[in-house]
Amino acid sequence: MESVNVLIPSIEDTAIVVYSNFNQTPEGVYMNVFFVSHGTYFNNASSKSAAINKLLKEFARITAYDAVNERLENEAKQLEKLEKEQRGL
């Protein structure tokens, strides 16, 4: 996926291009992300690497939280349904 003119102030003051690829595996989802500014890719040696790593870790934390919360809500609904059925017996 390509996102053009993305504003991420913690990484760059001007709009950048973000390329991302998500690969689902049995172990989880792997994400590859590339950030480009003025035709230059940011890499681990870039002065922006700490900000990029922080951004990606926060994204992973929020995504994992949302997934666990969704599963918890689904399980709570299932439990409520089973308890209702049990009361009817």
Protein backbone atom coordinates (compact mmCIF):
# COMPACT_ATOMS: atom_id res chain seq x y z
CA MET A 1 0.00 0.00 0.00
CA GLU A 2 1.26 3.48 -0.81
CA SER A 3 0.24 6.55 1.18
CA VAL A 4 1.31 9.87 -0.32
CA ASN A 5 1.60 13.25 1.42
CA VAL A 6 1.43 11.78 4.91
CA LEU A 7 2.06 14.20 7.75
CA ILE A 8 3.82 12.61 10.70
CA PRO A 9 5.32 15.50 12.71
CA SER A 10 7.33 13.18 14.97
CA ILE A 11 9.26 11.98 11.89
CA GLU A 12 9.35 14.85 9.40
CA ASP A 13 8.07 18.43 9.22
CA THR A 14 6.97 18.00 5.60
CA ALA A 15 4.73 15.44 3.94
CA ILE A 16 6.30 12.04 3.28
CA VAL A 17 5.43 8.89 1.36
CA VAL A 18 4.79 5.68 3.31
CA TYR A 19 4.92 2.26 1.68
CA SER A 20 3.58 -0.64 3.72
CA ASN A 21 3.03 -4.34 3.22
CA PHE A 22 1.20 -6.66 5.63
CA ASN A 23 1.78 -10.42 5.53
CA GLN A 24 -0.41 -12.72 7.59
CA THR A 25 1.24 -15.92 8.83
CA PRO A 26 0.26 -18.57 11.40
CA GLU A 27 2.53 -16.76 13.88
CA GLY A 28 0.90 -13.37 13.33
CA VAL A 29 0.96 -10.45 10.95
CA TYR A 30 4.27 -9.06 9.76
CA MET A 31 4.51 -5.50 8.55
CA ASN A 32 7.14 -3.98 6.30
CA VAL A 33 7.14 -0.20 6.18
CA PHE A 34 9.27 2.23 4.18
CA PHE A 35 9.31 5.99 4.71
CA VAL A 36 10.45 8.30 1.92
CA SER A 37 11.11 12.03 2.12
CA HIS A 38 12.34 14.07 -0.83
CA GLY A 39 13.30 10.88 -2.67
CA THR A 40 15.37 9.50 0.24
CA TYR A 41 14.44 6.37 2.19
CA PHE A 42 14.86 6.49 5.95
CA ASN A 43 16.87 3.57 7.29
CA ASN A 44 18.27 2.43 10.66
CA ALA A 45 21.20 4.82 10.29
CA SER A 46 18.84 7.75 9.74
CA SER A 47 18.43 10.40 12.40
CA LYS A 48 14.70 9.61 12.16
CA SER A 49 15.05 5.90 13.03
CA ALA A 50 14.30 6.37 16.75
CA ALA A 51 11.09 8.27 15.99
CA ILE A 52 10.07 5.69 13.38
CA ASN A 53 10.71 2.79 15.77
CA LYS A 54 8.70 4.53 18.49
CA LEU A 55 5.82 5.13 16.08
CA LEU A 56 5.78 1.50 14.91
CA LYS A 57 5.97 0.11 18.46
CA GLU A 58 3.04 2.31 19.49
CA PHE A 59 1.09 1.13 16.42
CA ALA A 60 1.81 -2.50 17.36
CA ARG A 61 0.78 -1.92 20.98
CA ILE A 62 -2.50 -0.26 20.02
CA THR A 63 -3.27 -2.90 17.39
CA ALA A 64 -2.60 -5.76 19.83
CA TYR A 65 -4.71 -4.07 22.51
CA ASP A 66 -7.60 -3.63 20.07
CA ALA A 67 -7.40 -7.27 18.96
CA VAL A 68 -7.41 -8.57 22.55
CA ASN A 69 -10.23 -6.21 23.52
CA GLU A 70 -12.33 -7.36 20.55
CA ARG A 71 -11.76 -11.00 21.48
CA LEU A 72 -12.66 -10.27 25.10
CA GLU A 73 -15.91 -8.60 24.03
CA ASN A 74 -16.80 -11.55 21.79
CA GLU A 75 -16.08 -14.04 24.57
CA ALA A 76 -18.16 -11.99 27.05
CA LYS A 77 -21.10 -12.06 24.62
CA GLN A 78 -20.70 -15.81 24.19
CA LEU A 79 -20.58 -16.30 27.97
CA GLU A 80 -23.71 -14.19 28.42
CA LYS A 81 -25.48 -16.28 25.78
CA LEU A 82 -24.46 -19.54 27.49
CA GLU A 83 -25.52 -18.25 30.92
CA LYS A 84 -28.91 -17.25 29.49
CA GLU A 85 -29.32 -20.73 28.00
CA GLN A 86 -28.31 -22.29 31.33
CA ARG A 87 -30.92 -20.26 33.24
CA GLY A 88 -33.53 -21.57 30.82
CA LEU A 89 -32.81 -25.20 31.68
